[in-house]
Amino acid sequence: MAIQIEAKRIYEPYSKKDGYRILVDRLWPRGISKEKARVDLWFKEITPSTGLRKWYNHEEEKFEEFRMRYQHELDENKGLLESFFKKLKNNKITLLFAGKESPINHVVILKEYMSNIIKRLKL
C-alpha cells in the first residue's frame, strides 16, 4: 500500500486517522501546546527558508516564483526526504501547518513534491 499524504491545520482536532503527524512550519504555531498538537516530527528542514518565506509573504502574484524557489530548496533536501520515507513505518502521514488553508500555501507544494518522491521510490 502506497504512503498517503494528507494536510490539515494544526488547530484542527487530532485524529487517529492522521497517522504520522508532521509539523511543516518553521515557527511553532501560536496558541497551541506541544501536548495538544500531538506532533510526531517537527520537520523544519523541509520548510521554506526564512528568507524565502519573508520574500513571498503570501502574495498571490508571487506564487509561481515562490513554487520554483521552494522546489529548488526541496531539491537540496531530497536525500533527507528520501531517507525519511524509507524509514517511515506508517502508511499515512498528515502534514500540519498553522496558516490559513489556501491554494497558495507552501503545504500544497510540499505535498505534491512528497507525492512525487513516493511514486519515484515506489513506496
PDB file of N, CA and C in Angstrom:
ATOM      1  N   MET A   1       0.838  -1.186   0.000  1.00  0.00           N
ATOM      2  CA  MET A   1       0.000   0.000   0.000  1.00  0.00           C
ATOM      3  C   MET A   1       0.880   1.246   0.000  1.00  0.00           C
ATOM      4  N   ALA A   2       0.602   2.166  -0.902  1.00  0.00           N
ATOM      5  CA  ALA A   2       1.399   3.382  -1.021  1.00  0.00           C
ATOM      6  C   ALA A   2       1.165   4.300   0.177  1.00  0.00           C
ATOM      7  N   ILE A   3       2.165   5.083   0.457  1.00  0.00           N
ATOM      8  CA  ILE A   3       2.057   6.072   1.528  1.00  0.00           C
ATOM      9  C   ILE A   3       1.061   7.145   1.102  1.00  0.00           C
ATOM     10  N   GLN A   4       0.139   7.459   1.979  1.00  0.00           N
ATOM     11  CA  GLN A   4      -0.852   8.505   1.718  1.00  0.00           C
ATOM     12  C   GLN A   4      -0.437   9.773   2.457  1.00  0.00           C
ATOM     13  N   ILE A   5      -0.618  10.904   1.815  1.00  0.00           N
ATOM     14  CA  ILE A   5      -0.286  12.186   2.425  1.00  0.00           C
ATOM     15  C   ILE A   5      -1.538  13.054   2.478  1.00  0.00           C
ATOM     16  N   GLU A   6      -1.834  13.548   3.654  1.00  0.00           N
ATOM     17  CA  GLU A   6      -2.922  14.486   3.856  1.00  0.00           C
ATOM     18  C   GLU A   6      -2.325  15.760   4.447  1.00  0.00           C
ATOM     19  N   ALA A   7      -3.096  16.806   4.469  1.00  0.00           N
ATOM     20  CA  ALA A   7      -2.660  18.056   5.084  1.00  0.00           C
ATOM     21  C   ALA A   7      -3.835  18.656   5.847  1.00  0.00           C
ATOM     22  N   LYS A   8      -3.528  19.238   7.000  1.00  0.00           N
ATOM     23  CA  LYS A   8      -4.578  19.928   7.749  1.00  0.00           C
ATOM     24  C   LYS A   8      -3.947  20.935   8.694  1.00  0.00           C
ATOM     25  N   ARG A   9      -4.762  21.892   9.085  1.00  0.00           N
ATOM     26  CA  ARG A   9      -4.287  22.903  10.030  1.00  0.00           C
ATOM     27  C   ARG A   9      -4.048  22.247  11.377  1.00  0.00           C
ATOM     28  N   ILE A  10      -3.010  22.663  12.043  1.00  0.00           N
ATOM     29  CA  ILE A  10      -2.664  22.091  13.338  1.00  0.00           C
ATOM     30  C   ILE A  10      -3.729  22.383  14.394  1.00  0.00           C
ATOM     31  N   TYR A  11      -4.544  23.379  14.146  1.00  0.00           N
ATOM     32  CA  TYR A  11      -5.588  23.762  15.094  1.00  0.00           C
ATOM     33  C   TYR A  11      -6.810  22.832  15.021  1.00  0.00           C
ATOM     34  N   GLU A  12      -6.876  22.009  13.970  1.00  0.00           N
ATOM     35  CA  GLU A  12      -7.956  21.032  13.873  1.00  0.00           C
ATOM     36  C   GLU A  12      -7.678  19.901  14.873  1.00  0.00           C
ATOM     37  N   PRO A  13      -8.725  19.252  15.366  1.00  0.00           N
ATOM     38  CA  PRO A  13      -8.529  18.204  16.375  1.00  0.00           C
ATOM     39  C   PRO A  13      -7.697  17.034  15.865  1.00  0.00           C
ATOM     40  N   TYR A  14      -6.939  16.444  16.774  1.00  0.00           N
ATOM     41  CA  TYR A  14      -6.174  15.232  16.497  1.00  0.00           C
ATOM     42  C   TYR A  14      -7.134  14.099  16.146  1.00  0.00           C
ATOM     43  N   SER A  15      -6.711  13.236  15.259  1.00  0.00           N
ATOM     44  CA  SER A  15      -7.468  12.041  14.921  1.00  0.00           C
ATOM     45  C   SER A  15      -6.495  10.880  14.746  1.00  0.00           C
ATOM     46  N   LYS A  16      -6.887   9.705  15.179  1.00  0.00           N
ATOM     47  CA  LYS A  16      -6.052   8.517  14.973  1.00  0.00           C
ATOM     48  C   LYS A  16      -5.843   8.272  13.485  1.00  0.00           C
ATOM     49  N   LYS A  17      -6.777   8.729  12.663  1.00  0.00           N
ATOM     50  CA  LYS A  17      -6.680   8.557  11.214  1.00  0.00           C
ATOM     51  C   LYS A  17      -5.581   9.412  10.592  1.00  0.00           C
ATOM     52  N   ASP A  18      -5.022  10.353  11.363  1.00  0.00           N
ATOM     53  CA  ASP A  18      -3.958  11.215  10.843  1.00  0.00           C
ATOM     54  C   ASP A  18      -2.695  10.429  10.533  1.00  0.00           C
ATOM     55  N   GLY A  19      -2.485   9.336  11.220  1.00  0.00           N
ATOM     56  CA  GLY A  19      -1.242   8.594  11.041  1.00  0.00           C
ATOM     57  C   GLY A  19      -0.095   9.359  11.673  1.00  0.00           C
ATOM     58  N   TYR A  20       1.031   9.420  10.968  1.00  0.00           N
ATOM     59  CA  TYR A  20       2.239  10.093  11.454  1.00  0.00           C
ATOM     60  C   TYR A  20       2.080  11.589  11.200  1.00  0.00           C
ATOM     61  N   ARG A  21       2.088  12.382  12.269  1.00  0.00           N
ATOM     62  CA  ARG A  21       1.803  13.823  12.177  1.00  0.00           C
ATOM     63  C   ARG A  21       3.101  14.622  12.110  1.00  0.00           C
ATOM     64  N   ILE A  22       3.242  15.398  11.036  1.00  0.00           N
ATOM     65  CA  ILE A  22       4.467  16.165  10.800  1.00  0.00           C
ATOM     66  C   ILE A  22       4.137  17.648  10.720  1.00  0.00           C
ATOM     67  N   LEU A  23       4.710  18.429  11.617  1.00  0.00           N
ATOM     68  CA  LEU A  23       4.574  19.880  11.549  1.00  0.00           C
ATOM     69  C   LEU A  23       5.556  20.394  10.502  1.00  0.00           C
ATOM     70  N   VAL A  24       5.026  21.122   9.526  1.00  0.00           N
ATOM     71  CA  VAL A  24       5.857  21.617   8.428  1.00  0.00           C
ATOM     72  C   VAL A  24       5.836  23.142   8.366  1.00  0.00           C
ATOM     73  N   ASP A  25       5.977  23.754   9.515  1.00  0.00           N
ATOM     74  CA  ASP A  25       6.150  25.203   9.635  1.00  0.00           C
ATOM     75  C   ASP A  25       7.479  25.454  10.338  1.00  0.00           C
ATOM     76  N   ARG A  26       8.163  26.512   9.957  1.00  0.00           N
ATOM     77  CA  ARG A  26       9.460  26.825  10.570  1.00  0.00           C
ATOM     78  C   ARG A  26       9.295  27.331  12.002  1.00  0.00           C
ATOM     79  N   LEU A  27       8.185  28.008  12.271  1.00  0.00           N
ATOM     80  CA  LEU A  27       7.927  28.540  13.605  1.00  0.00           C
ATOM     81  C   LEU A  27       6.829  27.734  14.275  1.00  0.00           C
ATOM     82  N   TRP A  28       6.931  27.563  15.603  1.00  0.00           N
ATOM     83  CA  TRP A  28       5.885  26.844  16.317  1.00  0.00           C
ATOM     84  C   TRP A  28       4.594  27.668  16.267  1.00  0.00           C
ATOM     85  N   PRO A  29       3.465  27.022  15.988  1.00  0.00           N
ATOM     86  CA  PRO A  29       2.188  27.746  15.882  1.00  0.00           C
ATOM     87  C   PRO A  29       1.777  28.412  17.195  1.00  0.00           C
ATOM     88  N   ARG A  30       1.232  29.590  17.088  1.00  0.00           N
ATOM     89  CA  ARG A  30       0.785  30.337  18.265  1.00  0.00           C
ATOM     90  C   ARG A  30      -0.427  29.672  18.897  1.00  0.00           C
ATOM     91  N   GLY A  31      -0.436  29.710  20.219  1.00  0.00           N
ATOM     92  CA  GLY A  31      -1.621  29.314  20.959  1.00  0.00           C
ATOM     93  C   GLY A  31      -1.902  27.836  21.046  1.00  0.00           C
ATOM     94  N   ILE A  32      -0.937  26.988  20.694  1.00  0.00           N
ATOM     95  CA  ILE A  32      -1.166  25.552  20.805  1.00  0.00           C
ATOM     96  C   ILE A  32       0.010  24.910  21.537  1.00  0.00           C
ATOM     97  N   SER A  33      -0.317  24.114  22.537  1.00  0.00           N
ATOM     98  CA  SER A  33       0.734  23.462  23.316  1.00  0.00           C
ATOM     99  C   SER A  33       1.261  22.250  22.551  1.00  0.00           C
ATOM    100  N   LYS A  34       2.457  21.829  22.906  1.00  0.00           N
ATOM    101  CA  LYS A  34       3.038  20.641  22.277  1.00  0.00           C
ATOM    102  C   LYS A  34       2.200  19.407  22.587  1.00  0.00           C
ATOM    103  N   GLU A  35       1.628  19.357  23.779  1.00  0.00           N
ATOM    104  CA  GLU A  35       0.794  18.216  24.145  1.00  0.00           C
ATOM    105  C   GLU A  35      -0.460  18.151  23.277  1.00  0.00           C
ATOM    106  N   LYS A  36      -1.106  19.289  23.087  1.00  0.00           N
ATOM    107  CA  LYS A  36      -2.333  19.321  22.297  1.00  0.00           C
ATOM    108  C   LYS A  36      -2.037  19.085  20.807  1.00  0.00           C
ATOM    109  N   ALA A  37      -0.915  19.528  20.343  1.00  0.00           N
ATOM    110  CA  ALA A  37      -0.562  19.400  18.928  1.00  0.00           C
ATOM    111  C   ALA A  37      -0.332  17.939  18.525  1.00  0.00           C
ATOM    112  N   ARG A  38       0.193  17.159  19.433  1.00  0.00           N
ATOM    113  CA  ARG A  38       0.458  15.733  19.189  1.00  0.00           C
ATOM    114  C   ARG A  38       1.244  15.524  17.894  1.00  0.00           C
ATOM    115  N   VAL A  39       2.353  16.219  17.802  1.00  0.00           N
ATOM    116  CA  VAL A  39       3.218  16.164  16.630  1.00  0.00           C
ATOM    117  C   VAL A  39       4.242  15.046  16.816  1.00  0.00           C
ATOM    118  N   ASP A  40       4.381  14.196  15.793  1.00  0.00           N
ATOM    119  CA  ASP A  40       5.390  13.135  15.827  1.00  0.00           C
ATOM    120  C   ASP A  40       6.759  13.651  15.387  1.00  0.00           C
ATOM    121  N   LEU A  41       6.759  14.636  14.504  1.00  0.00           N
ATOM    122  CA  LEU A  41       8.011  15.185  13.987  1.00  0.00           C
ATOM    123  C   LEU A  41       7.788  16.633  13.593  1.00  0.00           C
ATOM    124  N   TRP A  42       8.700  17.492  14.029  1.00  0.00           N
ATOM    125  CA  TRP A  42       8.710  18.879  13.575  1.00  0.00           C
ATOM    126  C   TRP A  42       9.820  18.946  12.540  1.00  0.00           C
ATOM    127  N   PHE A  43       9.464  18.954  11.267  1.00  0.00           N
ATOM    128  CA  PHE A  43      10.409  18.791  10.161  1.00  0.00           C
ATOM    129  C   PHE A  43      10.736  20.156   9.562  1.00  0.00           C
ATOM    130  N   LYS A  44      11.478  20.969  10.331  1.00  0.00           N
ATOM    131  CA  LYS A  44      11.819  22.329   9.906  1.00  0.00           C
ATOM    132  C   LYS A  44      12.668  22.342   8.641  1.00  0.00           C
ATOM    133  N   GLU A  45      13.460  21.276   8.465  1.00  0.00           N
ATOM    134  CA  GLU A  45      14.403  21.238   7.347  1.00  0.00           C
ATOM    135  C   GLU A  45      13.733  21.249   5.979  1.00  0.00           C
ATOM    136  N   ILE A  46      12.448  20.917   5.922  1.00  0.00           N
ATOM    137  CA  ILE A  46      11.769  20.884   4.623  1.00  0.00           C
ATOM    138  C   ILE A  46      10.781  22.042   4.450  1.00  0.00           C
ATOM    139  N   THR A  47      10.861  22.999   5.348  1.00  0.00           N
ATOM    140  CA  THR A  47      10.002  24.179   5.229  1.00  0.00           C
ATOM    141  C   THR A  47      10.724  25.251   4.410  1.00  0.00           C
ATOM    142  N   PRO A  48       9.994  26.196   3.869  1.00  0.00           N
ATOM    143  CA  PRO A  48      10.674  27.276   3.143  1.00  0.00           C
ATOM    144  C   PRO A  48      11.643  28.017   4.071  1.00  0.00           C
ATOM    145  N   SER A  49      12.776  28.400   3.536  1.00  0.00           N
ATOM    146  CA  SER A  49      13.747  29.152   4.329  1.00  0.00           C
ATOM    147  C   SER A  49      13.118  30.452   4.810  1.00  0.00           C
ATOM    148  N   THR A  50      13.687  31.013   5.854  1.00  0.00           N
ATOM    149  CA  THR A  50      13.170  32.263   6.397  1.00  0.00           C
ATOM    150  C   THR A  50      13.181  33.364   5.332  1.00  0.00           C
ATOM    151  N   GLY A  51      14.267  33.455   4.576  1.00  0.00           N
ATOM    152  CA  GLY A  51      14.358  34.476   3.528  1.00  0.00           C
ATOM    153  C   GLY A  51      13.275  34.309   2.472  1.00  0.00           C
ATOM    154  N   LEU A  52      13.058  33.074   2.043  1.00  0.00           N
ATOM    155  CA  LEU A  52      12.042  32.815   1.026  1.00  0.00           C
ATOM    156  C   LEU A  52      10.646  33.089   1.581  1.00  0.00           C
ATOM    157  N   ARG A  53      10.396  32.653   2.784  1.00  0.00           N
ATOM    158  CA  ARG A  53       9.089  32.869   3.412  1.00  0.00           C
ATOM    159  C   ARG A  53       8.777  34.364   3.528  1.00  0.00           C
ATOM    160  N   LYS A  54       9.771  35.144   3.959  1.00  0.00           N
ATOM    161  CA  LYS A  54       9.558  36.584   4.106  1.00  0.00           C
ATOM    162  C   LYS A  54       9.393  37.260   2.746  1.00  0.00           C
ATOM    163  N   TRP A  55      10.171  36.827   1.758  1.00  0.00           N
ATOM    164  CA  TRP A  55      10.042  37.404   0.421  1.00  0.00           C
ATOM    165  C   TRP A  55       8.644  37.146  -0.144  1.00  0.00           C
ATOM    166  N   TYR A  56       8.156  35.925  -0.007  1.00  0.00           N
ATOM    167  CA  TYR A  56       6.865  35.536  -0.569  1.00  0.00           C
ATOM    168  C   TYR A  56       5.701  36.268   0.104  1.00  0.00           C
ATOM    169  N   ASN A  57       5.666  36.265   1.425  1.00  0.00           N
ATOM    170  CA  ASN A  57       4.669  36.999   2.199  1.00  0.00           C
ATOM    171  C   ASN A  57       3.225  36.688   1.768  1.00  0.00           C
ATOM    172  N   HIS A  58       3.000  35.471   1.275  1.00  0.00           N
ATOM    173  CA  HIS A  58       1.673  35.024   0.823  1.00  0.00           C
ATOM    174  C   HIS A  58       1.024  35.975  -0.181  1.00  0.00           C
ATOM    175  N   GLU A  59       1.846  36.550  -1.041  1.00  0.00           N
ATOM    176  CA  GLU A  59       1.338  37.430  -2.092  1.00  0.00           C
ATOM    177  C   GLU A  59       1.053  36.572  -3.329  1.00  0.00           C
ATOM    178  N   GLU A  60      -0.205  36.490  -3.666  1.00  0.00           N
ATOM    179  CA  GLU A  60      -0.655  35.582  -4.731  1.00  0.00           C
ATOM    180  C   GLU A  60       0.118  35.758  -6.039  1.00  0.00           C
ATOM    181  N   GLU A  61       0.433  36.985  -6.399  1.00  0.00           N
ATOM    182  CA  GLU A  61       1.135  37.212  -7.661  1.00  0.00           C
ATOM    183  C   GLU A  61       2.564  36.659  -7.664  1.00  0.00           C
ATOM    184  N   LYS A  62       3.108  36.339  -6.487  1.00  0.00           N
ATOM    185  CA  LYS A  62       4.456  35.764  -6.382  1.00  0.00           C
ATOM    186  C   LYS A  62       4.441  34.241  -6.296  1.00  0.00           C
ATOM    187  N   PHE A  63       3.248  33.629  -6.302  1.00  0.00           N
ATOM    188  CA  PHE A  63       3.158  32.210  -6.009  1.00  0.00           C
ATOM    189  C   PHE A  63       3.964  31.330  -6.965  1.00  0.00           C
ATOM    190  N   GLU A  64       3.874  31.555  -8.253  1.00  0.00           N
ATOM    191  CA  GLU A  64       4.598  30.687  -9.201  1.00  0.00           C
ATOM    192  C   GLU A  64       6.108  30.791  -9.010  1.00  0.00           C
ATOM    193  N   GLU A  65       6.607  32.002  -8.780  1.00  0.00           N
ATOM    194  CA  GLU A  65       8.039  32.176  -8.493  1.00  0.00           C
ATOM    195  C   GLU A  65       8.393  31.510  -7.162  1.00  0.00           C
ATOM    196  N   PHE A  66       7.514  31.662  -6.175  1.00  0.00           N
ATOM    197  CA  PHE A  66       7.711  31.009  -4.883  1.00  0.00           C
ATOM    198  C   PHE A  66       7.776  29.498  -5.062  1.00  0.00           C
ATOM    199  N   ARG A  67       6.873  28.939  -5.861  1.00  0.00           N
ATOM    200  CA  ARG A  67       6.861  27.495  -6.123  1.00  0.00           C
ATOM    201  C   ARG A  67       8.216  27.027  -6.666  1.00  0.00           C
ATOM    202  N   MET A  68       8.735  27.756  -7.656  1.00  0.00           N
ATOM    203  CA  MET A  68      10.018  27.372  -8.254  1.00  0.00           C
ATOM    204  C   MET A  68      11.149  27.452  -7.230  1.00  0.00           C
ATOM    205  N   ARG A  69      11.184  28.538  -6.481  1.00  0.00           N
ATOM    206  CA  ARG A  69      12.255  28.712  -5.490  1.00  0.00           C
ATOM    207  C   ARG A  69      12.158  27.670  -4.373  1.00  0.00           C
ATOM    208  N   TYR A  70      10.933  27.398  -3.920  1.00  0.00           N
ATOM    209  CA  TYR A  70      10.744  26.418  -2.847  1.00  0.00           C
ATOM    210  C   TYR A  70      11.084  25.010  -3.341  1.00  0.00           C
ATOM    211  N   GLN A  71      10.709  24.667  -4.561  1.00  0.00           N
ATOM    212  CA  GLN A  71      11.068  23.362  -5.104  1.00  0.00           C
ATOM    213  C   GLN A  71      12.584  23.221  -5.211  1.00  0.00           C
ATOM    214  N   HIS A  72      13.256  24.308  -5.541  1.00  0.00           N
ATOM    215  CA  HIS A  72      14.727  24.280  -5.577  1.00  0.00           C
ATOM    216  C   HIS A  72      15.282  23.976  -4.182  1.00  0.00           C
ATOM    217  N   GLU A  73      14.720  24.615  -3.149  1.00  0.00           N
ATOM    218  CA  GLU A  73      15.155  24.331  -1.776  1.00  0.00           C
ATOM    219  C   GLU A  73      14.862  22.869  -1.416  1.00  0.00           C
ATOM    220  N   LEU A  74      13.718  22.372  -1.827  1.00  0.00           N
ATOM    221  CA  LEU A  74      13.385  20.968  -1.548  1.00  0.00           C
ATOM    222  C   LEU A  74      14.344  20.027  -2.272  1.00  0.00           C
ATOM    223  N   ASP A  75      14.727  20.381  -3.494  1.00  0.00           N
ATOM    224  CA  ASP A  75      15.703  19.567  -4.231  1.00  0.00           C
ATOM    225  C   ASP A  75      16.997  19.419  -3.441  1.00  0.00           C
ATOM    226  N   GLU A  76      17.382  20.488  -2.745  1.00  0.00           N
ATOM    227  CA  GLU A  76      18.607  20.439  -1.944  1.00  0.00           C
ATOM    228  C   GLU A  76      18.471  19.493  -0.758  1.00  0.00           C
ATOM    229  N   ASN A  77      17.236  19.195  -0.345  1.00  0.00           N
ATOM    230  CA  ASN A  77      16.978  18.282   0.777  1.00  0.00           C
ATOM    231  C   ASN A  77      16.354  16.965   0.324  1.00  0.00           C
ATOM    232  N   LYS A  78      16.423  16.674  -0.961  1.00  0.00           N
ATOM    233  CA  LYS A  78      15.786  15.474  -1.494  1.00  0.00           C
ATOM    234  C   LYS A  78      16.290  14.209  -0.793  1.00  0.00           C
ATOM    235  N   GLY A  79      17.575  14.133  -0.524  1.00  0.00           N
ATOM    236  CA  GLY A  79      18.132  12.958   0.148  1.00  0.00           C
ATOM    237  C   GLY A  79      17.540  12.766   1.535  1.00  0.00           C
ATOM    238  N   LEU A  80      17.346  13.853   2.232  1.00  0.00           N
ATOM    239  CA  LEU A  80      16.744  13.810   3.570  1.00  0.00           C
ATOM    240  C   LEU A  80      15.313  13.286   3.486  1.00  0.00           C
ATOM    241  N   LEU A  81      14.554  13.758   2.524  1.00  0.00           N
ATOM    242  CA  LEU A  81      13.177  13.300   2.347  1.00  0.00           C
ATOM    243  C   LEU A  81      13.125  11.834   1.933  1.00  0.00           C
ATOM    244  N   GLU A  82      13.992  11.427   1.015  1.00  0.00           N
ATOM    245  CA  GLU A  82      14.010  10.024   0.587  1.00  0.00           C
ATOM    246  C   GLU A  82      14.338   9.115   1.757  1.00  0.00           C
ATOM    247  N   SER A  83      15.322   9.499   2.548  1.00  0.00           N
ATOM    248  CA  SER A  83      15.695   8.724   3.726  1.00  0.00           C
ATOM    249  C   SER A  83      14.534   8.630   4.710  1.00  0.00           C
ATOM    250  N   PHE A  84      13.839   9.739   4.918  1.00  0.00           N
ATOM    251  CA  PHE A  84      12.689   9.761   5.817  1.00  0.00           C
ATOM    252  C   PHE A  84      11.638   8.759   5.355  1.00  0.00           C
ATOM    253  N   PHE A  85      11.285   8.797   4.081  1.00  0.00           N
ATOM    254  CA  PHE A  85      10.244   7.904   3.580  1.00  0.00           C
ATOM    255  C   PHE A  85      10.654   6.437   3.682  1.00  0.00           C
ATOM    256  N   LYS A  86      11.916   6.139   3.435  1.00  0.00           N
ATOM    257  CA  LYS A  86      12.370   4.750   3.520  1.00  0.00           C
ATOM    258  C   LYS A  86      12.299   4.206   4.944  1.00  0.00           C
ATOM    259  N   LYS A  87      12.421   5.089   5.938  1.00  0.00           N
ATOM    260  CA  LYS A  87      12.373   4.674   7.343  1.00  0.00           C
ATOM    261  C   LYS A  87      10.968   4.726   7.927  1.00  0.00           C
ATOM    262  N   LEU A  88      10.035   5.355   7.221  1.00  0.00           N
ATOM    263  CA  LEU A  88       8.681   5.549   7.730  1.00  0.00           C
ATOM    264  C   LEU A  88       7.987   4.208   7.947  1.00  0.00           C
ATOM    265  N   LYS A  89       7.438   4.014   9.126  1.00  0.00           N
ATOM    266  CA  LYS A  89       6.775   2.764   9.467  1.00  0.00           C
ATOM    267  C   LYS A  89       5.250   2.869   9.331  1.00  0.00           C
ATOM    268  N   ASN A  90       4.757   4.014   8.934  1.00  0.00           N
ATOM    269  CA  ASN A  90       3.328   4.247   8.838  1.00  0.00           C
ATOM    270  C   ASN A  90       2.984   4.549   7.378  1.00  0.00           C
ATOM    271  N   ASN A  91       1.851   4.073   6.910  1.00  0.00           N
ATOM    272  CA  ASN A  91       1.453   4.321   5.524  1.00  0.00           C
ATOM    273  C   ASN A  91       0.674   5.607   5.338  1.00  0.00           C
ATOM    274  N   LYS A  92       0.449   6.326   6.413  1.00  0.00           N
ATOM    275  CA  LYS A  92      -0.318   7.569   6.327  1.00  0.00           C
ATOM    276  C   LYS A  92       0.413   8.651   7.100  1.00  0.00           C
ATOM    277  N   ILE A  93       0.591   9.794   6.454  1.00  0.00           N
ATOM    278  CA  ILE A  93       1.157  10.947   7.152  1.00  0.00           C
ATOM    279  C   ILE A  93       0.230  12.141   6.942  1.00  0.00           C
ATOM    280  N   THR A  94       0.232  13.003   7.933  1.00  0.00           N
ATOM    281  CA  THR A  94      -0.528  14.238   7.842  1.00  0.00           C
ATOM    282  C   THR A  94       0.427  15.399   8.047  1.00  0.00           C
ATOM    283  N   LEU A  95       0.476  16.277   7.068  1.00  0.00           N
ATOM    284  CA  LEU A  95       1.291  17.487   7.154  1.00  0.00           C
ATOM    285  C   LEU A  95       0.479  18.540   7.902  1.00  0.00           C
ATOM    286  N   LEU A  96       1.031  19.034   8.988  1.00  0.00           N
ATOM    287  CA  LEU A  96       0.352  20.016   9.824  1.00  0.00           C
ATOM    288  C   LEU A  96       0.951  21.399   9.585  1.00  0.00           C
ATOM    289  N   PHE A  97       0.084  22.393   9.479  1.00  0.00           N
ATOM    290  CA  PHE A  97       0.546  23.756   9.252  1.00  0.00           C
ATOM    291  C   PHE A  97      -0.373  24.706   9.996  1.00  0.00           C
ATOM    292  N   ALA A  98       0.117  25.894  10.270  1.00  0.00           N
ATOM    293  CA  ALA A  98      -0.660  26.860  11.055  1.00  0.00           C
ATOM    294  C   ALA A  98      -1.435  27.840  10.184  1.00  0.00           C
ATOM    295  N   GLY A  99      -0.922  28.164   9.032  1.00  0.00           N
ATOM    296  CA  GLY A  99      -1.543  29.180   8.190  1.00  0.00           C
ATOM    297  C   GLY A  99      -2.942  28.814   7.744  1.00  0.00           C
ATOM    298  N   LYS A 100      -3.613  29.784   7.194  1.00  0.00           N
ATOM    299  CA  LYS A 100      -4.949  29.532   6.669  1.00  0.00           C
ATOM    300  C   LYS A 100      -4.847  28.607   5.458  1.00  0.00           C
ATOM    301  N   GLU A 101      -5.846  27.739   5.308  1.00  0.00           N
ATOM    302  CA  GLU A 101      -5.865  26.867   4.137  1.00  0.00           C
ATOM    303  C   GLU A 101      -6.012  27.726   2.898  1.00  0.00           C
ATOM    304  N   SER A 102      -5.198  27.431   1.932  1.00  0.00           N
ATOM    305  CA  SER A 102      -5.169  28.275   0.751  1.00  0.00           C
ATOM    306  C   SER A 102      -4.474  27.517  -0.382  1.00  0.00           C
ATOM    307  N   PRO A 103      -4.887  27.752  -1.609  1.00  0.00           N
ATOM    308  CA  PRO A 103      -4.178  27.117  -2.728  1.00  0.00           C
ATOM    309  C   PRO A 103      -2.788  27.712  -2.968  1.00  0.00           C
ATOM    310  N   ILE A 104      -2.441  28.771  -2.221  1.00  0.00           N
ATOM    311  CA  ILE A 104      -1.112  29.369  -2.382  1.00  0.00           C
ATOM    312  C   ILE A 104      -0.272  29.184  -1.122  1.00  0.00           C
ATOM    313  N   ASN A 105      -0.511  28.113  -0.395  1.00  0.00           N
ATOM    314  CA  ASN A 105       0.212  27.773   0.826  1.00  0.00           C
ATOM    315  C   ASN A 105       1.387  26.852   0.464  1.00  0.00           C
ATOM    316  N   HIS A 106       2.493  26.940   1.185  1.00  0.00           N
ATOM    317  CA  HIS A 106       3.648  26.094   0.892  1.00  0.00           C
ATOM    318  C   HIS A 106       3.336  24.609   1.033  1.00  0.00           C
ATOM    319  N   VAL A 107       2.331  24.269   1.823  1.00  0.00           N
ATOM    320  CA  VAL A 107       1.989  22.861   2.044  1.00  0.00           C
ATOM    321  C   VAL A 107       1.472  22.217   0.748  1.00  0.00           C
ATOM    322  N   VAL A 108       0.816  22.988  -0.093  1.00  0.00           N
ATOM    323  CA  VAL A 108       0.341  22.480  -1.385  1.00  0.00           C
ATOM    324  C   VAL A 108       1.538  22.006  -2.213  1.00  0.00           C
ATOM    325  N   ILE A 109       2.572  22.797  -2.240  1.00  0.00           N
ATOM    326  CA  ILE A 109       3.785  22.476  -3.000  1.00  0.00           C
ATOM    327  C   ILE A 109       4.489  21.280  -2.365  1.00  0.00           C
ATOM    328  N   LEU A 110       4.619  21.299  -1.052  1.00  0.00           N
ATOM    329  CA  LEU A 110       5.310  20.219  -0.339  1.00  0.00           C
ATOM    330  C   LEU A 110       4.598  18.880  -0.523  1.00  0.00           C
ATOM    331  N   LYS A 111       3.298  18.876  -0.414  1.00  0.00           N
ATOM    332  CA  LYS A 111       2.531  17.641  -0.579  1.00  0.00           C
ATOM    333  C   LYS A 111       2.748  17.053  -1.966  1.00  0.00           C
ATOM    334  N   GLU A 112       2.692  17.889  -2.985  1.00  0.00           N
ATOM    335  CA  GLU A 112       2.923  17.441  -4.356  1.00  0.00           C
ATOM    336  C   GLU A 112       4.348  16.903  -4.525  1.00  0.00           C
ATOM    337  N   TYR A 113       5.308  17.610  -3.960  1.00  0.00           N
ATOM    338  CA  TYR A 113       6.710  17.212  -4.054  1.00  0.00           C
ATOM    339  C   TYR A 113       6.921  15.852  -3.379  1.00  0.00           C
ATOM    340  N   MET A 114       6.352  15.694  -2.181  1.00  0.00           N
ATOM    341  CA  MET A 114       6.494  14.438  -1.448  1.00  0.00           C
ATOM    342  C   MET A 114       5.803  13.293  -2.193  1.00  0.00           C
ATOM    343  N   SER A 115       4.654  13.557  -2.777  1.00  0.00           N
ATOM    344  CA  SER A 115       3.937  12.531  -3.540  1.00  0.00           C
ATOM    345  C   SER A 115       4.778  12.048  -4.719  1.00  0.00           C
ATOM    346  N   ASN A 116       5.479  12.958  -5.361  1.00  0.00           N
ATOM    347  CA  ASN A 116       6.351  12.583  -6.480  1.00  0.00           C
ATOM    348  C   ASN A 116       7.507  11.704  -6.015  1.00  0.00           C
ATOM    349  N   ILE A 117       8.069  11.980  -4.854  1.00  0.00           N
ATOM    350  CA  ILE A 117       9.138  11.142  -4.311  1.00  0.00           C
ATOM    351  C   ILE A 117       8.611   9.740  -4.025  1.00  0.00           C
ATOM    352  N   ILE A 118       7.437   9.671  -3.410  1.00  0.00           N
ATOM    353  CA  ILE A 118       6.834   8.376  -3.090  1.00  0.00           C
ATOM    354  C   ILE A 118       6.608   7.554  -4.361  1.00  0.00           C
ATOM    355  N   LYS A 119       6.110   8.182  -5.411  1.00  0.00           N
ATOM    356  CA  LYS A 119       5.893   7.483  -6.681  1.00  0.00           C
ATOM    357  C   LYS A 119       7.212   6.995  -7.264  1.00  0.00           C
ATOM    358  N   ARG A 120       8.212   7.861  -7.250  1.00  0.00           N
ATOM    359  CA  ARG A 120       9.515   7.502  -7.817  1.00  0.00           C
ATOM    360  C   ARG A 120      10.168   6.352  -7.062  1.00  0.00           C
ATOM    361  N   LEU A 121      10.030   6.366  -5.732  1.00  0.00           N
ATOM    362  CA  LEU A 121      10.625   5.317  -4.895  1.00  0.00           C
ATOM    363  C   LEU A 121       9.737   4.073  -4.821  1.00  0.00           C
ATOM    364  N   LYS A 122       8.540   4.178  -5.371  1.00  0.00           N
ATOM    365  CA  LYS A 122       7.560   3.081  -5.359  1.00  0.00           C
ATOM    366  C   LYS A 122       7.267   2.612  -3.932  1.00  0.00           C
ATOM    367  N   LEU A 123       6.958   3.589  -3.071  1.00  0.00           N
ATOM    368  CA  LEU A 123       6.655   3.282  -1.665  1.00  0.00           C
ATOM    369  C   LEU A 123       5.157   3.253  -1.422  1.00  0.00           C
TER     370      LEU A 123
END
